[in-house]
Protein backbone atom coordinates (compact mmCIF):
# COMPACT_ATOMS: atom_id res chain seq x y z
CA MET A 1 0.00 0.00 0.00
CA ALA A 2 2.86 2.38 0.78
CA GLN A 3 4.39 1.85 -2.65
CA VAL A 4 1.07 2.51 -4.37
CA ALA A 5 0.58 5.70 -2.35
CA ARG A 6 4.03 6.96 -3.31
CA LYS A 7 3.37 6.24 -7.02
CA VAL A 8 0.04 8.12 -6.89
CA ALA A 9 1.67 11.13 -5.17
CA ARG A 10 4.51 11.19 -7.72
CA ALA A 11 2.04 11.02 -10.64
CA ALA A 12 -0.08 13.83 -9.16
CA LYS A 13 2.99 16.01 -8.70
CA THR A 14 4.10 15.43 -12.28
CA ALA A 15 0.66 16.31 -13.62
CA THR A 16 0.54 19.50 -11.54
CA THR A 17 3.99 20.59 -12.77
CA ALA A 18 3.04 19.95 -16.39
CA THR A 19 -0.09 22.12 -16.17
CA THR A 20 1.55 25.06 -14.34
CA HIS A 21 1.74 28.26 -16.43
CA HIS A 22 3.74 31.33 -15.42
CA SER A 23 2.09 34.70 -15.81
CA PRO A 24 4.07 37.02 -18.11
CA LEU A 25 3.42 39.88 -15.69
CA THR A 26 4.90 38.22 -12.60
CA TYR A 27 7.36 35.72 -14.05
CA THR A 28 11.03 36.66 -13.67
CA PRO A 29 13.43 34.82 -16.01
CA SER A 30 16.47 33.17 -14.54
CA VAL A 31 18.83 34.97 -16.93
CA SER A 32 20.06 38.55 -16.46
CA LEU A 33 18.74 40.95 -19.08
CA LYS A 34 20.26 44.35 -19.83
CA LEU A 35 18.23 47.09 -21.45
CA GLY A 36 19.96 48.80 -24.36
CA PRO A 37 19.11 51.98 -26.26
CA THR A 38 15.52 51.99 -27.49
CA HIS A 39 15.47 55.24 -29.50
CA ASN A 40 17.70 57.99 -30.84
CA SER A 41 17.91 61.06 -28.64
CA ARG A 42 17.08 64.22 -30.56
CA LEU A 43 19.48 66.44 -28.59
CA ARG A 44 22.28 63.88 -28.91
CA SER A 45 21.81 63.83 -32.68
CA HIS A 46 21.76 67.65 -32.69
CA TYR A 47 25.06 67.73 -30.79
CA GLU A 48 26.80 65.16 -32.98
CA SER A 49 25.61 66.59 -36.29
CA THR A 50 25.70 70.35 -35.70
CA LEU A 51 26.80 71.56 -32.29
CA ALA A 52 30.10 69.67 -32.06
CA ASP A 53 31.36 71.13 -35.34
CA ASP A 54 30.36 74.65 -34.31
CA LEU A 55 32.10 74.35 -30.94
CA MET A 56 35.28 73.05 -32.54
CA TYR A 57 35.27 76.06 -34.88
CA LEU A 58 34.62 78.55 -32.05
CA HIS A 59 37.14 77.13 -29.56
CA TYR A 60 39.89 76.23 -31.99
CA GLN A 61 43.33 77.57 -31.05
CA HIS A 62 46.03 77.07 -33.63
CA HIS A 63 49.61 76.47 -32.53
CA ASP A 64 52.68 75.55 -34.47
CA ALA A 65 53.85 71.95 -34.42
CA ASN A 66 56.85 72.94 -32.28
CA TYR A 67 54.74 74.68 -29.65
CA VAL A 68 55.91 73.88 -26.13
CA PRO A 69 53.32 74.58 -23.41
CA PRO A 70 54.59 76.24 -20.23
CA PHE A 71 55.70 74.04 -17.39
CA PRO A 72 53.43 73.76 -14.35
CA PRO A 73 54.23 76.16 -11.51
CA LYS A 74 57.00 75.08 -9.20
CA LYS A 75 56.02 73.64 -5.85
CA ARG A 76 56.06 76.22 -3.12
CA GLU A 77 58.75 75.80 -0.48
CA HIS A 78 59.56 77.37 2.86
CA GLU A 79 61.77 80.43 2.77
CA GLY A 80 65.35 79.37 3.33
CA ALA A 81 64.80 75.73 2.37
CA ALA A 82 66.71 75.98 -0.92
CA ASP A 83 69.99 77.36 0.46
CA GLY A 84 69.65 75.77 3.91
CA SER A 85 69.78 79.07 5.77
CA ASP A 86 66.63 78.26 7.77
CA PRO A 87 66.98 75.07 9.87
CA TYR A 88 63.23 75.10 10.57
CA ALA A 89 62.40 74.61 6.87
CA ARG A 90 64.70 71.61 6.49
CA ASN A 91 62.85 68.31 5.79
CA ARG A 92 59.46 69.94 6.18
CA PRO A 93 56.57 69.84 3.68
CA PRO A 94 55.71 73.03 1.80
CA PRO A 95 53.20 75.37 3.46
CA ARG A 96 49.56 74.89 2.62
CA PRO A 97 47.90 77.60 0.52
CA LYS A 98 45.74 80.09 2.35
CA GLY A 99 42.01 79.73 1.95
CA ASN A 100 40.44 77.13 -0.32
CA LYS A 101 42.72 75.03 -2.45
CA THR A 102 42.53 76.51 -5.92
CA LEU A 103 42.66 74.39 -9.05
CA LYS A 104 45.66 75.04 -11.27
CA PRO A 105 44.81 76.04 -14.84
CA LEU A 106 45.65 73.37 -17.37
CA THR A 107 46.97 73.85 -20.88
CA THR A 108 44.13 73.40 -23.35
CA ASN A 109 45.31 73.31 -26.94
CA VAL A 110 44.04 71.52 -30.01
CA GLY A 111 47.50 70.56 -31.22
CA GLY A 112 49.63 68.02 -29.40
CA LYS A 113 52.58 68.89 -27.21
CA VAL A 114 55.87 69.24 -28.99
CA THR A 115 58.47 66.66 -28.16
CA ALA A 116 61.51 68.46 -29.62
CA VAL A 117 63.17 68.89 -26.21
CA GLU A 118 62.10 65.42 -25.09
CA ASP A 119 63.47 63.77 -28.22
CA SER A 120 66.81 65.54 -27.89
CA ILE A 121 67.08 64.47 -24.25
CA SER A 122 66.21 60.85 -25.06
CA THR A 123 68.72 60.65 -27.94
CA GLY A 124 71.55 62.04 -25.84
CA SER A 125 72.18 65.13 -27.96
CA HIS A 126 71.13 67.36 -25.06
CA THR A 127 73.23 66.76 -21.97
CA THR A 128 71.38 68.96 -19.53
CA SER A 129 68.64 67.67 -17.24
CA ASN A 130 64.96 68.57 -17.30
CA SER A 131 65.41 71.00 -14.42
CA ASP A 132 67.87 73.04 -16.52
CA VAL A 133 65.29 73.72 -19.19
CA GLU A 134 63.91 77.22 -18.95
CA ARG A 135 60.42 77.22 -17.55
CA ASN A 136 59.22 80.05 -19.74
CA ALA A 137 60.76 78.96 -22.99
CA THR A 138 59.57 80.77 -26.09
CA PRO A 139 57.98 78.55 -28.76
CA ALA A 140 60.17 77.86 -31.74
CA VAL A 141 58.81 78.30 -35.25
CA ALA A 142 59.25 75.28 -37.45
CA SER A 143 59.27 75.12 -41.21
CA SER A 144 56.33 73.80 -43.14
CA SER A 145 58.19 70.59 -43.98
CA SER A 146 58.75 69.67 -40.32
CA ALA A 147 55.27 70.61 -39.14
CA SER A 148 53.05 67.67 -38.24
CA PRO A 149 49.32 67.64 -39.00
CA ILE A 150 46.94 68.61 -36.20
CA THR A 151 44.35 66.03 -35.21
CA ALA A 152 41.34 66.26 -32.91
CA SER A 153 41.14 62.64 -31.80
CA VAL A 154 40.46 62.01 -28.12
CA GLY A 155 43.27 60.40 -26.18
CA VAL A 156 45.68 60.01 -29.11
CA LYS A 157 49.33 59.82 -28.11
CA HIS A 158 52.14 61.02 -30.36
CA THR A 159 55.51 59.37 -30.82
CA GLY A 160 57.11 61.41 -28.06
CA GLY A 161 54.56 60.30 -25.45
CA ALA A 162 52.64 63.59 -25.50
CA ARG A 163 48.86 63.50 -25.28
CA ILE A 164 46.40 65.84 -26.87
CA ASP A 165 45.25 68.14 -24.07
CA ARG A 166 42.16 69.50 -25.74
CA THR A 167 38.96 67.84 -26.90
CA ILE A 168 35.69 69.19 -28.20
CA THR A 169 33.46 70.44 -25.41
CA GLN A 170 30.84 67.85 -24.54
CA LEU A 171 28.30 67.25 -21.79
CA LYS A 172 29.30 64.40 -19.48
CA SER A 173 26.50 64.23 -16.92
CA ILE A 174 23.71 66.18 -15.22
CA GLN A 175 23.22 66.03 -11.46
CA LEU A 176 20.00 66.98 -9.68
CA HIS A 177 20.68 68.04 -6.11
CA ILE A 178 18.18 68.79 -3.31
CA MET A 179 19.08 70.01 0.18
CA SER A 180 16.34 70.10 2.85
CA LYS A 181 16.88 71.96 6.12
CA ASP A 182 13.79 70.42 7.67
CA ALA A 183 15.09 66.92 6.95
CA ILE A 184 17.97 67.47 9.39
CA SER A 185 15.57 67.20 12.32
CA THR A 186 12.95 64.95 10.66
CA ARG A 187 14.37 62.37 8.30
CA ALA A 188 10.93 61.41 6.98
CA LEU A 189 10.81 64.74 5.13
CA LEU A 190 13.44 63.39 2.73
CA ILE A 191 10.87 61.00 1.24
CA PRO A 192 9.06 63.72 -0.78
CA ALA A 193 12.41 64.93 -2.14
CA MET A 194 13.34 61.40 -3.19
CA PHE A 195 9.97 60.92 -4.89
CA GLN A 196 10.46 64.23 -6.64
CA LEU A 197 13.85 63.21 -8.02
CA ARG A 198 12.49 59.79 -8.96
CA ALA A 199 9.71 61.39 -11.03
CA LEU A 200 11.99 63.93 -12.73
CA SER A 201 14.81 61.54 -13.60
CA GLY A 202 13.09 58.16 -13.87
CA SER A 203 16.28 56.66 -12.46
CA SER A 204 16.50 53.78 -9.99
CA ARG A 205 19.29 51.64 -8.62
CA GLY A 206 20.44 48.96 -11.06
CA GLU A 207 17.85 49.91 -13.67
CA GLY A 208 18.00 48.10 -16.99
CA GLY A 209 20.27 45.44 -15.50
CA HIS A 210 23.23 47.85 -15.27
CA ASP A 211 25.00 47.82 -11.93
CA THR A 212 26.57 51.25 -12.59
CA ASN A 213 23.18 52.97 -12.22
CA LYS A 214 23.16 54.16 -8.61
CA GLY A 215 19.71 55.80 -8.71
CA ILE A 216 18.70 58.21 -5.95
CA GLN A 217 21.46 58.73 -3.38
CA LEU A 218 21.28 60.33 0.04
CA ILE A 219 23.59 63.18 1.01
CA TYR A 220 25.09 63.03 4.50
CA GLY A 221 26.64 65.81 6.53
CA ARG A 222 30.43 65.89 6.49
CA LYS A 223 31.04 68.24 9.42
CA ASN A 224 29.39 69.28 12.66
CA LEU A 225 27.86 72.74 12.16
CA PRO A 226 25.96 73.85 15.28
CA GLN A 227 24.68 77.06 13.65
CA TRP A 228 22.83 74.94 11.06
CA LYS A 229 22.02 72.14 13.49
CA LEU A 230 23.91 69.79 11.18
CA ARG A 231 25.80 66.80 12.49
CA ARG A 232 28.24 64.56 10.76
CA GLY A 233 26.64 61.48 9.19
CA VAL A 234 23.07 62.85 9.34
CA PRO A 235 21.17 62.70 6.00
CA CYS A 236 20.32 66.20 4.80
CA GLY A 237 19.55 65.85 1.09
CA ALA A 238 19.32 63.67 -1.99
CA LYS A 239 20.86 63.64 -5.45
CA VAL A 240 20.74 61.72 -8.71
CA THR A 241 23.19 61.68 -11.62
CA LEU A 242 21.98 61.30 -15.21
CA LYS A 243 24.10 60.12 -18.11
CA GLY A 244 23.54 59.06 -21.69
CA ASP A 245 20.11 59.33 -23.29
CA LYS A 246 18.36 60.04 -19.98
CA MET A 247 20.57 63.08 -19.56
CA TYR A 248 19.54 64.43 -22.96
CA ASP A 249 15.87 63.58 -22.34
CA PHE A 250 15.87 65.58 -19.10
CA LEU A 251 17.69 68.46 -20.81
CA GLY A 252 15.08 68.50 -23.59
CA THR A 253 12.23 68.59 -21.07
CA PHE A 254 13.93 71.36 -19.10
CA VAL A 255 14.53 73.52 -22.18
CA GLU A 256 11.21 72.99 -23.96
CA PHE A 257 8.70 72.87 -21.09
CA VAL A 258 10.17 74.67 -18.09
CA LEU A 259 12.31 77.59 -19.26
CA PRO A 260 9.74 79.13 -21.68
CA ARG A 261 7.11 79.22 -18.89
CA LEU A 262 9.24 80.96 -16.26
CA ARG A 263 8.04 84.48 -15.54
CA GLU A 264 10.40 87.44 -15.12
CA TRP A 265 13.41 85.29 -15.89
CA ASN A 266 15.85 86.50 -18.53
CA GLY A 267 18.41 83.74 -18.22
CA VAL A 268 21.19 82.31 -16.07
CA VAL A 269 23.11 85.20 -14.50
CA MET A 270 26.81 85.13 -15.29
CA PRO A 271 29.47 86.54 -12.95
CA ALA A 272 30.95 89.97 -13.54
CA PRO A 273 33.94 90.29 -15.92
CA SER A 274 36.11 91.34 -12.98
CA VAL A 275 35.87 87.90 -11.35
CA ASN A 276 39.15 86.03 -10.98
CA ARG A 277 39.47 83.66 -13.94
CA ASN A 278 41.65 81.26 -11.97
CA SER A 279 39.08 80.67 -9.23
CA PRO A 280 37.88 77.08 -8.67
CA SER A 281 34.45 77.82 -10.15
CA MET A 282 35.90 79.35 -13.33
CA VAL A 283 38.32 76.51 -14.13
CA SER A 284 36.07 73.57 -13.22
CA GLY A 285 33.86 73.50 -16.33
CA VAL A 286 30.66 72.99 -14.28
CA VAL A 287 27.58 75.19 -14.72
CA SER A 288 25.01 75.22 -11.89
CA ILE A 289 21.43 76.48 -12.09
CA GLY A 290 19.13 76.91 -9.08
CA LEU A 291 15.36 76.42 -9.35
CA LYS A 292 12.70 77.36 -6.81
CA HIS A 293 9.69 75.21 -6.02
CA ASP A 294 7.56 77.32 -8.41
CA ALA A 295 9.71 76.16 -11.33
CA ILE A 296 9.51 72.51 -10.24
CA GLU A 297 5.75 72.61 -10.76
CA LEU A 298 6.29 73.27 -14.48
CA PHE A 299 7.89 69.89 -15.17
CA PRO A 300 5.36 67.62 -16.94
CA GLN A 301 6.21 64.72 -14.60
CA ILE A 302 5.13 66.84 -11.62
CA GLU A 303 2.33 68.81 -13.27
CA VAL A 304 0.42 65.73 -14.41
CA ASN A 305 -0.11 64.62 -10.78
CA GLN A 306 0.77 67.55 -8.56
CA ASP A 307 -1.46 66.35 -5.71
CA LEU A 308 1.00 63.53 -5.15
CA TYR A 309 3.71 66.06 -4.19
CA PRO A 310 2.20 68.37 -1.53
CA ARG A 311 5.63 69.57 -0.43
CA LEU A 312 7.84 70.48 -3.41
CA THR A 313 11.42 71.55 -2.82
CA GLY A 314 13.70 73.66 -4.97
CA MET A 315 16.79 72.03 -6.41
CA TYR A 316 20.08 72.68 -8.13
CA ILE A 317 20.96 71.40 -11.59
CA HIS A 318 24.70 70.86 -12.20
CA PHE A 319 25.94 70.43 -15.78
CA PHE A 320 29.31 68.64 -15.87
CA THR A 321 31.48 69.01 -18.98
CA ASN A 322 34.90 67.70 -19.97
CA GLU A 323 36.49 71.16 -19.88
CA ARG A 324 39.15 72.03 -17.32
CA GLY A 325 41.52 74.95 -16.94
CA ARG A 326 41.42 78.63 -17.78
CA GLY A 327 38.33 79.56 -19.76
CA ALA A 328 36.53 76.28 -19.07
CA GLN A 329 33.48 78.06 -17.66
CA ASN A 330 32.97 80.10 -20.83
CA LYS A 331 33.27 77.01 -23.02
CA ALA A 332 30.74 75.16 -20.88
CA ARG A 333 28.33 78.10 -21.20
CA ALA A 334 28.80 78.08 -24.98
CA LEU A 335 27.84 74.40 -25.02
CA LEU A 336 24.68 74.98 -22.98
CA SER A 337 23.73 78.00 -25.07
CA GLY A 338 23.79 75.65 -28.06
CA PHE A 339 21.05 73.69 -26.28
CA GLN A 340 19.01 76.96 -26.01
CA ILE A 341 19.76 77.75 -22.36
CA PRO A 342 19.98 81.58 -22.18
CA PHE A 343 22.65 83.45 -20.23
CA THR A 344 22.57 87.05 -19.14
CA ARG A 345 24.74 89.48 -17.21
CA LYS A 346 23.54 92.21 -14.88
């Protein structure tokens, strides 16, 4: 009887397994799927077909093939460390710069670095060391027969090991950033900000099967600031970084639906011409725009169901480009103006 019962149970189990059907809405395949591009971004096509060529024409700086860029500034040392007159400065690190650490301007040229001095040193025809080379050497003019053609390829290295320092200005990523003062005391108030970023960006962690998508991220305090009631490690905001087609889709929505409907807004205010061009903000190649909660209501993702967001918060939009060095801020603004973002100066 026991054997018969086991045979009946095994037959019933086999019949049940054979008739089981998985719903296409709830069934998750055992393989990992990755979502690829589903459509061509209009702004990406506009950049590749029109805007990139215009920016290369506007920002082109011609140099001779034997152009030698200036050496980076020498590391600061204590007074008396070179000649040994000050025993205090011996074997001590250089003094830290006063104030915020400024970014050093980089050389940004279309042509590659000249390797005339490097080649002579490597072949042995020049017996002096690199430190003996004058730091402010004047560029030598070469004949047309010795001049090498100028290329605009990204990351190309010449025979002398020099790398092209300049590429066409392009948009790398867009970051949406929200800081909430009320969330410092009540962490639950960060939930509306996270929902707001989720609706505007459509980004989530690991979306499309890509592990590099981090989605919405919390911002934690780095220092203890009693005047702001901020403690280290306490969440105080949220951010999301957009790249690729999602970046261009958000930019298109921002330019076509939000900016034309802003009242009494003439454009992004630029700093005065007297601002130091070597400041960290001027050489970083990042353009930031601040929006109040009134402007957030104009996004179609929020406007279609505004009752779901009873507490909207203003946010910052940071546009990251590949430009660095002196004049990087102006080149980044030229790129954004090509996407119809207006700039003005008071």
